[in-house]
Amino acid sequence: MPAEYILGQKFEFAFQVRHLAGDLIDADELPTWTVYAEDSDEVVATGDCAKRDDANTTGYYVAIGDISSPPYSEGTSYSVRVEALVADIPTAAPVGRFLVVETDVVRQSDLASLVSDIAAAVWNYLTSAMTTTGSIGKKLADWVISGIIGFGFGPYKLSADQTELEVYRANDTDIPVTLYADETFTTVLDLTNANKVYFTVKEETDTALDAAGDSNAIIDAGAPLECVISTPKTSGIITIPLTKTHLAAPTPLVWYAFDLKVIWTSGDVQTIVVGRFRTKREVTRKATV
């Protein structure tokens, strides 16, 4: 594959001169280079080669020249031939080929950095849209948050756009949750005037969800589970106090419907989150050292 250059750059091809016996040797005088348009006899440019690292090498030269228009043109391939007089013997050899590409064409040497730039640009776009409802970035952020909840870390962030909550059923589990007033996780829900916050889990069926009252609630034996509102209430943080008894009620790995509902001191009732809830069973049963 030929080297690739754009107009305004320099081509550069290094080569080594040897005696017929194979020993390294300096040419009798500076070699010359000739550039041909590939597949033709057209001589495009000529010049003298230069010695490279003369203090530490023998017979090491470089053919180097400017690539300008004219005589070079974009989209054309060229070959470089050098001639040298070595121990009074004329020698010549081709040393390289190059293609002059258009300025806006991606060169092979730039491909790795371009791919890295594209990846960075895509990531910047995704992360800058992490709070835009419906964007890939927002969906990615929600997926990450859902994964964190599934593994049992916290505190959790819940808004109307956060729909799945998974909890291991083996132990008493206090779930700290930050409630948000919007789907972008930017405005914390001020609970200063909240009287109660309830967490309710029911079967995910029309019959269960359409039934009057909460006697069919799963978690707290026929009643919504009262959450603990943290201080200061402006933090929007509540704790869902789930015990092993609560968590033993749902069938493991079965999805249920849940919501978080605030009863305000004004008497207004507001559903903050509607989502899906399930418990997961522990794997290791060994309980002794």
C-alpha atoms as a PDB file:
ATOM      1  CA  MET A   1       0.000   0.000   0.000  1.00  0.00           C
ATOM      2  CA  PRO A   2       1.477   3.379  -0.967  1.00  0.00           C
ATOM      3  CA  ALA A   3       2.129   6.134   1.523  1.00  0.00           C
ATOM      4  CA  GLU A   4      -0.508   8.866   1.580  1.00  0.00           C
ATOM      5  CA  TYR A   5       0.187  12.596   1.529  1.00  0.00           C
ATOM      6  CA  ILE A   6      -1.767  15.771   0.912  1.00  0.00           C
ATOM      7  CA  LEU A   7      -0.632  18.780  -1.070  1.00  0.00           C
ATOM      8  CA  GLY A   8       1.725  20.937   0.972  1.00  0.00           C
ATOM      9  CA  GLN A   9       3.440  18.030   2.715  1.00  0.00           C
ATOM     10  CA  LYS A  10       6.809  16.411   1.931  1.00  0.00           C
ATOM     11  CA  PHE A  11       7.369  12.847   0.780  1.00  0.00           C
ATOM     12  CA  GLU A  12      10.211  11.024   2.541  1.00  0.00           C
ATOM     13  CA  PHE A  13      11.804   7.655   1.735  1.00  0.00           C
ATOM     14  CA  ALA A  14      15.013   6.428   3.402  1.00  0.00           C
ATOM     15  CA  PHE A  15      17.317   3.852   1.836  1.00  0.00           C
ATOM     16  CA  GLN A  16      20.634   2.107   2.481  1.00  0.00           C
ATOM     17  CA  VAL A  17      23.560   1.941   0.035  1.00  0.00           C
ATOM     18  CA  ARG A  18      25.709  -1.215  -0.070  1.00  0.00           C
ATOM     19  CA  HIS A  19      28.783  -2.319  -1.971  1.00  0.00           C
ATOM     20  CA  LEU A  20      28.371  -5.188  -4.409  1.00  0.00           C
ATOM     21  CA  ALA A  21      29.974  -7.397  -1.779  1.00  0.00           C
ATOM     22  CA  GLY A  22      27.203  -6.418   0.630  1.00  0.00           C
ATOM     23  CA  ASP A  23      29.197  -4.096   2.888  1.00  0.00           C
ATOM     24  CA  LEU A  24      27.739  -0.742   3.923  1.00  0.00           C
ATOM     25  CA  ILE A  25      29.352   2.070   1.946  1.00  0.00           C
ATOM     26  CA  ASP A  26      28.809   5.755   1.268  1.00  0.00           C
ATOM     27  CA  ALA A  27      27.999   6.739  -2.289  1.00  0.00           C
ATOM     28  CA  ASP A  28      30.715   8.578  -4.192  1.00  0.00           C
ATOM     29  CA  GLU A  29      28.457  11.644  -4.170  1.00  0.00           C
ATOM     30  CA  LEU A  30      24.935  12.454  -3.006  1.00  0.00           C
ATOM     31  CA  PRO A  31      22.408  10.198  -4.751  1.00  0.00           C
ATOM     32  CA  THR A  32      19.600  11.809  -6.743  1.00  0.00           C
ATOM     33  CA  TRP A  33      15.889  11.060  -6.765  1.00  0.00           C
ATOM     34  CA  THR A  34      13.311  11.135  -9.546  1.00  0.00           C
ATOM     35  CA  VAL A  35       9.527  11.070  -9.143  1.00  0.00           C
ATOM     36  CA  TYR A  36       7.405   9.484 -11.868  1.00  0.00           C
ATOM     37  CA  ALA A  37       3.664   9.570 -12.302  1.00  0.00           C
ATOM     38  CA  GLU A  38       2.787   5.929 -11.719  1.00  0.00           C
ATOM     39  CA  ASP A  39       2.277   3.745 -14.793  1.00  0.00           C
ATOM     40  CA  SER A  40       3.845   6.348 -17.049  1.00  0.00           C
ATOM     41  CA  ASP A  41       7.237   7.664 -18.162  1.00  0.00           C
ATOM     42  CA  GLU A  42       6.380  11.211 -17.056  1.00  0.00           C
ATOM     43  CA  VAL A  43       9.073  12.717 -14.847  1.00  0.00           C
ATOM     44  CA  VAL A  44       7.296  14.867 -12.272  1.00  0.00           C
ATOM     45  CA  ALA A  45      10.213  16.158 -10.181  1.00  0.00           C
ATOM     46  CA  THR A  46      13.893  15.544  -9.438  1.00  0.00           C
ATOM     47  CA  GLY A  47      16.251  16.408  -6.597  1.00  0.00           C
ATOM     48  CA  ASP A  48      19.253  15.464  -4.509  1.00  0.00           C
ATOM     49  CA  CYS A  49      19.037  13.047  -1.616  1.00  0.00           C
ATOM     50  CA  ALA A  50      20.373  13.929   1.839  1.00  0.00           C
ATOM     51  CA  LYS A  51      22.659  12.042   4.180  1.00  0.00           C
ATOM     52  CA  ARG A  52      20.866  10.781   7.278  1.00  0.00           C
ATOM     53  CA  ASP A  53      22.632  10.488  10.653  1.00  0.00           C
ATOM     54  CA  ASP A  54      26.003  10.855   8.967  1.00  0.00           C
ATOM     55  CA  ALA A  55      27.932  10.714  12.260  1.00  0.00           C
ATOM     56  CA  ASN A  56      26.602   7.269  13.184  1.00  0.00           C
ATOM     57  CA  THR A  57      25.786   5.556   9.898  1.00  0.00           C
ATOM     58  CA  THR A  58      27.374   4.602   6.609  1.00  0.00           C
ATOM     59  CA  GLY A  59      25.537   4.853   3.321  1.00  0.00           C
ATOM     60  CA  TYR A  60      22.215   5.887   4.861  1.00  0.00           C
ATOM     61  CA  TYR A  61      20.300   8.443   2.734  1.00  0.00           C
ATOM     62  CA  VAL A  62      16.836   9.895   2.378  1.00  0.00           C
ATOM     63  CA  ALA A  63      14.911  11.090  -0.653  1.00  0.00           C
ATOM     64  CA  ILE A  64      12.771  14.005   0.449  1.00  0.00           C
ATOM     65  CA  GLY A  65      10.824  16.562  -1.568  1.00  0.00           C
ATOM     66  CA  ASP A  66       7.954  19.021  -1.491  1.00  0.00           C
ATOM     67  CA  ILE A  67       4.517  17.954  -2.749  1.00  0.00           C
ATOM     68  CA  SER A  68       2.906  20.971  -4.350  1.00  0.00           C
ATOM     69  CA  SER A  69       0.488  21.685  -7.191  1.00  0.00           C
ATOM     70  CA  PRO A  70       1.734  21.807  -9.859  1.00  0.00           C
ATOM     71  CA  PRO A  71       3.334  19.394 -10.661  1.00  0.00           C
ATOM     72  CA  TYR A  72       1.505  17.035  -8.253  1.00  0.00           C
ATOM     73  CA  SER A  73      -2.246  16.503  -8.340  1.00  0.00           C
ATOM     74  CA  GLU A  74      -4.771  14.956  -5.968  1.00  0.00           C
ATOM     75  CA  GLY A  75      -5.839  11.412  -6.687  1.00  0.00           C
ATOM     76  CA  THR A  76      -2.624  10.522  -8.513  1.00  0.00           C
ATOM     77  CA  SER A  77      -0.046   7.908  -7.472  1.00  0.00           C
ATOM     78  CA  TYR A  78       3.690   8.427  -7.865  1.00  0.00           C
ATOM     79  CA  SER A  79       6.839   6.296  -7.639  1.00  0.00           C
ATOM     80  CA  VAL A  80      10.267   7.411  -6.421  1.00  0.00           C
ATOM     81  CA  ARG A  81      13.512   6.113  -7.974  1.00  0.00           C
ATOM     82  CA  VAL A  82      17.029   6.909  -6.722  1.00  0.00           C
ATOM     83  CA  GLU A  83      20.349   6.768  -8.549  1.00  0.00           C
ATOM     84  CA  ALA A  84      23.779   6.605  -6.936  1.00  0.00           C
ATOM     85  CA  LEU A  85      27.411   6.185  -7.977  1.00  0.00           C
ATOM     86  CA  VAL A  86      28.933   3.586  -5.684  1.00  0.00           C
ATOM     87  CA  ALA A  87      32.656   2.799  -6.042  1.00  0.00           C
ATOM     88  CA  ASP A  88      32.480   4.245  -9.563  1.00  0.00           C
ATOM     89  CA  ILE A  89      29.571   1.919 -10.406  1.00  0.00           C
ATOM     90  CA  PRO A  90      26.189   3.498 -11.337  1.00  0.00           C
ATOM     91  CA  THR A  91      23.315   1.956  -9.393  1.00  0.00           C
ATOM     92  CA  ALA A  92      19.587   2.695  -9.228  1.00  0.00           C
ATOM     93  CA  ALA A  93      16.532   1.357  -7.417  1.00  0.00           C
ATOM     94  CA  PRO A  94      12.901   2.266  -6.654  1.00  0.00           C
ATOM     95  CA  VAL A  95      12.503   3.280  -3.003  1.00  0.00           C
ATOM     96  CA  GLY A  96       8.806   3.996  -2.581  1.00  0.00           C
ATOM     97  CA  ARG A  97       5.359   4.891  -3.831  1.00  0.00           C
ATOM     98  CA  PHE A  98       2.883   7.505  -2.609  1.00  0.00           C
ATOM     99  CA  LEU A  99      -0.619   8.723  -3.330  1.00  0.00           C
ATOM    100  CA  VAL A 100      -1.692  12.357  -3.121  1.00  0.00           C
ATOM    101  CA  VAL A 101      -5.104  12.303  -1.441  1.00  0.00           C
ATOM    102  CA  GLU A 102      -7.680  15.043  -1.114  1.00  0.00           C
ATOM    103  CA  THR A 103      -7.397  17.159   1.996  1.00  0.00           C
ATOM    104  CA  ASP A 104     -10.783  16.011   3.350  1.00  0.00           C
ATOM    105  CA  VAL A 105     -10.085  12.317   2.721  1.00  0.00           C
ATOM    106  CA  VAL A 106      -9.235  10.243   5.791  1.00  0.00           C
ATOM    107  CA  ARG A 107      -5.699   8.933   5.518  1.00  0.00           C
ATOM    108  CA  GLN A 108      -4.801   5.556   6.918  1.00  0.00           C
ATOM    109  CA  SER A 109      -2.331   7.148   9.333  1.00  0.00           C
ATOM    110  CA  ASP A 110      -5.111   9.346  10.738  1.00  0.00           C
ATOM    111  CA  LEU A 111      -7.716   6.599  11.028  1.00  0.00           C
ATOM    112  CA  ALA A 112      -6.966   5.579  14.625  1.00  0.00           C
ATOM    113  CA  SER A 113      -7.172   9.136  15.960  1.00  0.00           C
ATOM    114  CA  LEU A 114     -10.311   9.779  13.902  1.00  0.00           C
ATOM    115  CA  VAL A 115     -12.047   6.732  15.366  1.00  0.00           C
ATOM    116  CA  SER A 116     -11.051   7.919  18.842  1.00  0.00           C
ATOM    117  CA  ASP A 117     -12.422  11.408  18.083  1.00  0.00           C
ATOM    118  CA  ILE A 118     -15.706   9.955  16.829  1.00  0.00           C
ATOM    119  CA  ALA A 119     -16.070   7.788  19.934  1.00  0.00           C
ATOM    120  CA  ALA A 120     -15.376  10.824  22.138  1.00  0.00           C
ATOM    121  CA  ALA A 121     -17.909  12.921  20.222  1.00  0.00           C
ATOM    122  CA  VAL A 122     -20.596  10.230  20.530  1.00  0.00           C
ATOM    123  CA  TRP A 123     -19.919   9.869  24.275  1.00  0.00           C
ATOM    124  CA  ASN A 124     -20.042  13.655  24.748  1.00  0.00           C
ATOM    125  CA  TYR A 125     -23.393  13.732  22.928  1.00  0.00           C
ATOM    126  CA  LEU A 126     -24.773  10.898  25.020  1.00  0.00           C
ATOM    127  CA  THR A 127     -23.673  12.345  28.329  1.00  0.00           C
ATOM    128  CA  SER A 128     -24.798  15.870  27.455  1.00  0.00           C
ATOM    129  CA  ALA A 129     -28.276  14.485  26.813  1.00  0.00           C
ATOM    130  CA  MET A 130     -28.480  12.408  29.981  1.00  0.00           C
ATOM    131  CA  THR A 131     -31.266  14.598  31.325  1.00  0.00           C
ATOM    132  CA  THR A 132     -33.236  14.925  28.080  1.00  0.00           C
ATOM    133  CA  THR A 133     -36.323  12.700  28.197  1.00  0.00           C
ATOM    134  CA  GLY A 134     -36.399  10.275  25.279  1.00  0.00           C
ATOM    135  CA  SER A 135     -32.712  10.710  24.372  1.00  0.00           C
ATOM    136  CA  ILE A 136     -30.279   7.811  24.159  1.00  0.00           C
ATOM    137  CA  GLY A 137     -28.243   9.404  26.936  1.00  0.00           C
ATOM    138  CA  LYS A 138     -31.250   9.569  29.262  1.00  0.00           C
ATOM    139  CA  LYS A 139     -32.157   5.948  28.547  1.00  0.00           C
ATOM    140  CA  LEU A 140     -28.543   4.952  29.205  1.00  0.00           C
ATOM    141  CA  ALA A 141     -28.514   6.849  32.506  1.00  0.00           C
ATOM    142  CA  ASP A 142     -31.787   5.238  33.551  1.00  0.00           C
ATOM    143  CA  TRP A 143     -30.445   1.804  32.637  1.00  0.00           C
ATOM    144  CA  VAL A 144     -27.345   2.394  34.770  1.00  0.00           C
ATOM    145  CA  ILE A 145     -29.467   3.601  37.685  1.00  0.00           C
ATOM    146  CA  SER A 146     -31.764   0.594  37.305  1.00  0.00           C
ATOM    147  CA  GLY A 147     -28.714  -1.665  37.423  1.00  0.00           C
ATOM    148  CA  ILE A 148     -27.476   0.001  40.591  1.00  0.00           C
ATOM    149  CA  ILE A 149     -30.862  -0.507  42.231  1.00  0.00           C
ATOM    150  CA  GLY A 150     -30.883  -4.136  41.128  1.00  0.00           C
ATOM    151  CA  PHE A 151     -27.573  -4.776  42.863  1.00  0.00           C
ATOM    152  CA  GLY A 152     -28.755  -3.183  46.085  1.00  0.00           C
ATOM    153  CA  PHE A 153     -26.671  -0.006  46.304  1.00  0.00           C
ATOM    154  CA  GLY A 154     -28.047   3.409  47.230  1.00  0.00           C
ATOM    155  CA  PRO A 155     -29.222   5.977  47.827  1.00  0.00           C
ATOM    156  CA  TYR A 156     -31.510   5.488  44.854  1.00  0.00           C
ATOM    157  CA  LYS A 157     -32.968   8.140  42.599  1.00  0.00           C
ATOM    158  CA  LEU A 158     -36.609   7.715  41.648  1.00  0.00           C
ATOM    159  CA  SER A 159     -38.885   9.837  39.528  1.00  0.00           C
ATOM    160  CA  ALA A 160     -41.853   9.052  37.338  1.00  0.00           C
ATOM    161  CA  ASP A 161     -39.399   7.856  34.687  1.00  0.00           C
ATOM    162  CA  GLN A 162     -37.725   5.274  36.977  1.00  0.00           C
ATOM    163  CA  THR A 163     -39.827   2.157  36.628  1.00  0.00           C
ATOM    164  CA  GLU A 164     -38.021  -0.908  38.005  1.00  0.00           C
ATOM    165  CA  LEU A 165     -36.886  -1.690  41.533  1.00  0.00           C
ATOM    166  CA  GLU A 166     -35.261  -5.014  42.503  1.00  0.00           C
ATOM    167  CA  VAL A 167     -34.352  -6.061  46.056  1.00  0.00           C
ATOM    168  CA  TYR A 168     -32.768  -9.188  47.542  1.00  0.00           C
ATOM    169  CA  ARG A 169     -35.180 -10.836  49.961  1.00  0.00           C
ATOM    170  CA  ALA A 170     -32.702 -12.422  52.412  1.00  0.00           C
ATOM    171  CA  ASN A 171     -32.361  -9.570  54.925  1.00  0.00           C
ATOM    172  CA  ASP A 172     -34.121  -6.573  56.382  1.00  0.00           C
ATOM    173  CA  THR A 173     -33.482  -3.882  53.800  1.00  0.00           C
ATOM    174  CA  ASP A 174     -33.877  -0.186  54.394  1.00  0.00           C
ATOM    175  CA  ILE A 175     -33.966   1.416  50.953  1.00  0.00           C
ATOM    176  CA  PRO A 176     -32.983   5.087  50.933  1.00  0.00           C
ATOM    177  CA  VAL A 177     -34.613   6.870  47.998  1.00  0.00           C
ATOM    178  CA  THR A 178     -34.314  10.417  46.721  1.00  0.00           C
ATOM    179  CA  LEU A 179     -37.590  11.553  45.179  1.00  0.00           C
ATOM    180  CA  TYR A 180     -37.548  13.973  42.267  1.00  0.00           C
ATOM    181  CA  ALA A 181     -40.282  16.270  41.037  1.00  0.00           C
ATOM    182  CA  ASP A 182     -39.390  15.718  37.374  1.00  0.00           C
ATOM    183  CA  GLU A 183     -38.119  13.043  35.031  1.00  0.00           C
ATOM    184  CA  THR A 184     -34.710  14.646  34.524  1.00  0.00           C
ATOM    185  CA  PHE A 185     -33.443  14.138  38.105  1.00  0.00           C
ATOM    186  CA  THR A 186     -32.775  17.878  38.415  1.00  0.00           C
ATOM    187  CA  THR A 187     -35.427  19.060  40.877  1.00  0.00           C
ATOM    188  CA  VAL A 188     -35.575  17.293  44.245  1.00  0.00           C
ATOM    189  CA  LEU A 189     -39.103  16.866  45.599  1.00  0.00           C
ATOM    190  CA  ASP A 190     -39.469  19.127  48.652  1.00  0.00           C
ATOM    191  CA  LEU A 191     -41.274  17.069  51.323  1.00  0.00           C
ATOM    192  CA  THR A 192     -41.583  19.907  53.838  1.00  0.00           C
ATOM    193  CA  ASN A 193     -45.383  19.808  53.626  1.00  0.00           C
ATOM    194  CA  ALA A 194     -45.643  16.027  53.291  1.00  0.00           C
ATOM    195  CA  ASN A 195     -47.648  14.265  55.980  1.00  0.00           C
ATOM    196  CA  LYS A 196     -47.041  10.647  54.913  1.00  0.00           C
ATOM    197  CA  VAL A 197     -45.317   8.773  52.104  1.00  0.00           C
ATOM    198  CA  TYR A 198     -46.595   5.274  51.316  1.00  0.00           C
ATOM    199  CA  PHE A 199     -44.995   2.418  49.374  1.00  0.00           C
ATOM    200  CA  THR A 200     -47.544  -0.053  47.995  1.00  0.00           C
ATOM    201  CA  VAL A 201     -46.981  -3.282  46.051  1.00  0.00           C
ATOM    202  CA  LYS A 202     -49.762  -5.209  44.305  1.00  0.00           C
ATOM    203  CA  GLU A 203     -50.059  -7.926  41.712  1.00  0.00           C
ATOM    204  CA  GLU A 204     -49.517  -6.581  38.224  1.00  0.00           C
ATOM    205  CA  THR A 205     -53.017  -7.460  37.001  1.00  0.00           C
ATOM    206  CA  ASP A 206     -56.061  -5.389  36.106  1.00  0.00           C
ATOM    207  CA  THR A 207     -58.086  -7.192  38.770  1.00  0.00           C
ATOM    208  CA  ALA A 208     -55.627  -6.299  41.537  1.00  0.00           C
ATOM    209  CA  LEU A 209     -55.048  -2.737  40.389  1.00  0.00           C
ATOM    210  CA  ASP A 210     -58.736  -1.972  39.774  1.00  0.00           C
ATOM    211  CA  ALA A 211     -59.885  -3.301  43.153  1.00  0.00           C
ATOM    212  CA  ALA A 212     -61.168  -0.770  45.669  1.00  0.00           C
ATOM    213  CA  GLY A 213     -58.978  -0.179  48.723  1.00  0.00           C
ATOM    214  CA  ASP A 214     -55.580  -1.653  49.526  1.00  0.00           C
ATOM    215  CA  SER A 215     -56.530  -4.935  51.167  1.00  0.00           C
ATOM    216  CA  ASN A 216     -54.766  -6.777  48.351  1.00  0.00           C
ATOM    217  CA  ALA A 217     -51.431  -5.022  48.973  1.00  0.00           C
ATOM    218  CA  ILE A 218     -48.614  -7.579  49.026  1.00  0.00           C
ATOM    219  CA  ILE A 219     -45.805  -6.066  51.105  1.00  0.00           C
ATOM    220  CA  ASP A 220     -47.491  -5.025  54.358  1.00  0.00           C
ATOM    221  CA  ALA A 221     -50.311  -7.566  54.736  1.00  0.00           C
ATOM    222  CA  GLY A 222     -53.111  -5.639  53.112  1.00  0.00           C
ATOM    223  CA  ALA A 223     -51.938  -2.082  53.726  1.00  0.00           C
ATOM    224  CA  PRO A 224     -49.574   0.463  52.194  1.00  0.00           C
ATOM    225  CA  LEU A 225     -46.153   0.529  53.874  1.00  0.00           C
ATOM    226  CA  GLU A 226     -45.391   3.860  55.541  1.00  0.00           C
ATOM    227  CA  CYS A 227     -41.971   5.267  54.604  1.00  0.00           C
ATOM    228  CA  VAL A 228     -39.662   7.326  56.816  1.00  0.00           C
ATOM    229  CA  ILE A 229     -39.162  10.935  55.693  1.00  0.00           C
ATOM    230  CA  SER A 230     -35.609  12.099  56.288  1.00  0.00           C
ATOM    231  CA  THR A 231     -34.590  15.409  57.833  1.00  0.00           C
ATOM    232  CA  PRO A 232     -34.322  17.963  56.387  1.00  0.00           C
ATOM    233  CA  LYS A 233     -37.442  17.295  54.391  1.00  0.00           C
ATOM    234  CA  THR A 234     -36.161  19.563  51.631  1.00  0.00           C
ATOM    235  CA  SER A 235     -33.681  16.783  50.720  1.00  0.00           C
ATOM    236  CA  GLY A 236     -36.503  14.725  49.207  1.00  0.00           C
ATOM    237  CA  ILE A 237     -35.054  11.580  50.805  1.00  0.00           C
ATOM    238  CA  ILE A 238     -37.258   8.846  52.211  1.00  0.00           C
ATOM    239  CA  THR A 239     -36.508   5.337  53.447  1.00  0.00           C
ATOM    240  CA  ILE A 240     -38.599   2.302  52.525  1.00  0.00           C
ATOM    241  CA  PRO A 241     -38.262   0.062  55.639  1.00  0.00           C
ATOM    242  CA  LEU A 242     -38.518  -3.425  54.163  1.00  0.00           C
ATOM    243  CA  THR A 243     -38.155  -6.385  56.531  1.00  0.00           C
ATOM    244  CA  LYS A 244     -37.567 -10.057  55.731  1.00  0.00           C
ATOM    245  CA  THR A 245     -41.255 -10.609  56.458  1.00  0.00           C
ATOM    246  CA  HIS A 246     -42.210  -7.965  53.897  1.00  0.00           C
ATOM    247  CA  LEU A 247     -39.853  -9.416  51.314  1.00  0.00           C
ATOM    248  CA  ALA A 248     -41.008 -12.986  51.855  1.00  0.00           C
ATOM    249  CA  ALA A 249     -44.520 -12.124  50.668  1.00  0.00           C
ATOM    250  CA  PRO A 250     -43.889 -11.539  46.942  1.00  0.00           C
ATOM    251  CA  THR A 251     -42.996 -14.547  44.798  1.00  0.00           C
ATOM    252  CA  PRO A 252     -39.294 -14.222  43.876  1.00  0.00           C
ATOM    253  CA  LEU A 253     -38.517 -13.040  40.334  1.00  0.00           C
ATOM    254  CA  VAL A 254     -42.164 -12.193  39.653  1.00  0.00           C
ATOM    255  CA  TRP A 255     -42.827  -8.597  38.674  1.00  0.00           C
ATOM    256  CA  TYR A 256     -45.390  -6.654  40.728  1.00  0.00           C
ATOM    257  CA  ALA A 257     -46.697  -3.121  40.372  1.00  0.00           C
ATOM    258  CA  PHE A 258     -45.670  -0.507  42.927  1.00  0.00           C
ATOM    259  CA  ASP A 259     -46.101   3.154  43.563  1.00  0.00           C
ATOM    260  CA  LEU A 260     -44.917   5.807  45.998  1.00  0.00           C
ATOM    261  CA  LYS A 261     -47.663   8.157  47.083  1.00  0.00           C
ATOM    262  CA  VAL A 262     -47.398  11.368  49.109  1.00  0.00           C
ATOM    263  CA  ILE A 263     -50.214  12.605  51.327  1.00  0.00           C
ATOM    264  CA  TRP A 264     -49.667  16.327  51.838  1.00  0.00           C
ATOM    265  CA  THR A 265     -50.706  18.310  54.907  1.00  0.00           C
ATOM    266  CA  SER A 266     -53.234  20.071  52.671  1.00  0.00           C
ATOM    267  CA  GLY A 267     -55.022  16.735  52.220  1.00  0.00           C
ATOM    268  CA  ASP A 268     -53.940  16.402  48.609  1.00  0.00           C
ATOM    269  CA  VAL A 269     -52.727  12.975  47.512  1.00  0.00           C
ATOM    270  CA  GLN A 270     -49.988  12.736  44.868  1.00  0.00           C
ATOM    271  CA  THR A 271     -48.512   9.659  43.201  1.00  0.00           C
ATOM    272  CA  ILE A 272     -44.818  10.342  42.627  1.00  0.00           C
ATOM    273  CA  VAL A 273     -43.584   7.069  41.154  1.00  0.00           C
ATOM    274  CA  VAL A 274     -45.356   4.226  39.382  1.00  0.00           C
ATOM    275  CA  GLY A 275     -43.183   1.261  38.491  1.00  0.00           C
ATOM    276  CA  ARG A 276     -42.427  -2.442  38.772  1.00  0.00           C
ATOM    277  CA  PHE A 277     -41.030  -4.286  41.787  1.00  0.00           C
ATOM    278  CA  ARG A 278     -39.641  -7.756  42.358  1.00  0.00           C
ATOM    279  CA  THR A 279     -37.505  -9.635  44.835  1.00  0.00           C
ATOM    280  CA  LYS A 280     -34.479 -11.775  44.020  1.00  0.00           C
ATOM    281  CA  ARG A 281     -33.405 -14.893  45.913  1.00  0.00           C
ATOM    282  CA  GLU A 282     -29.985 -15.283  47.482  1.00  0.00           C
ATOM    283  CA  VAL A 283     -27.646 -17.904  46.023  1.00  0.00           C
ATOM    284  CA  THR A 284     -25.204 -18.829  48.826  1.00  0.00           C
ATOM    285  CA  ARG A 285     -26.851 -20.721  51.721  1.00  0.00           C
ATOM    286  CA  LYS A 286     -23.802 -21.328  53.901  1.00  0.00           C
ATOM    287  CA  ALA A 287     -24.167 -19.320  57.126  1.00  0.00           C
ATOM    288  CA  THR A 288     -21.169 -20.506  59.184  1.00  0.00           C
ATOM    289  CA  VAL A 289     -17.411 -20.091  58.879  1.00  0.00           C
END
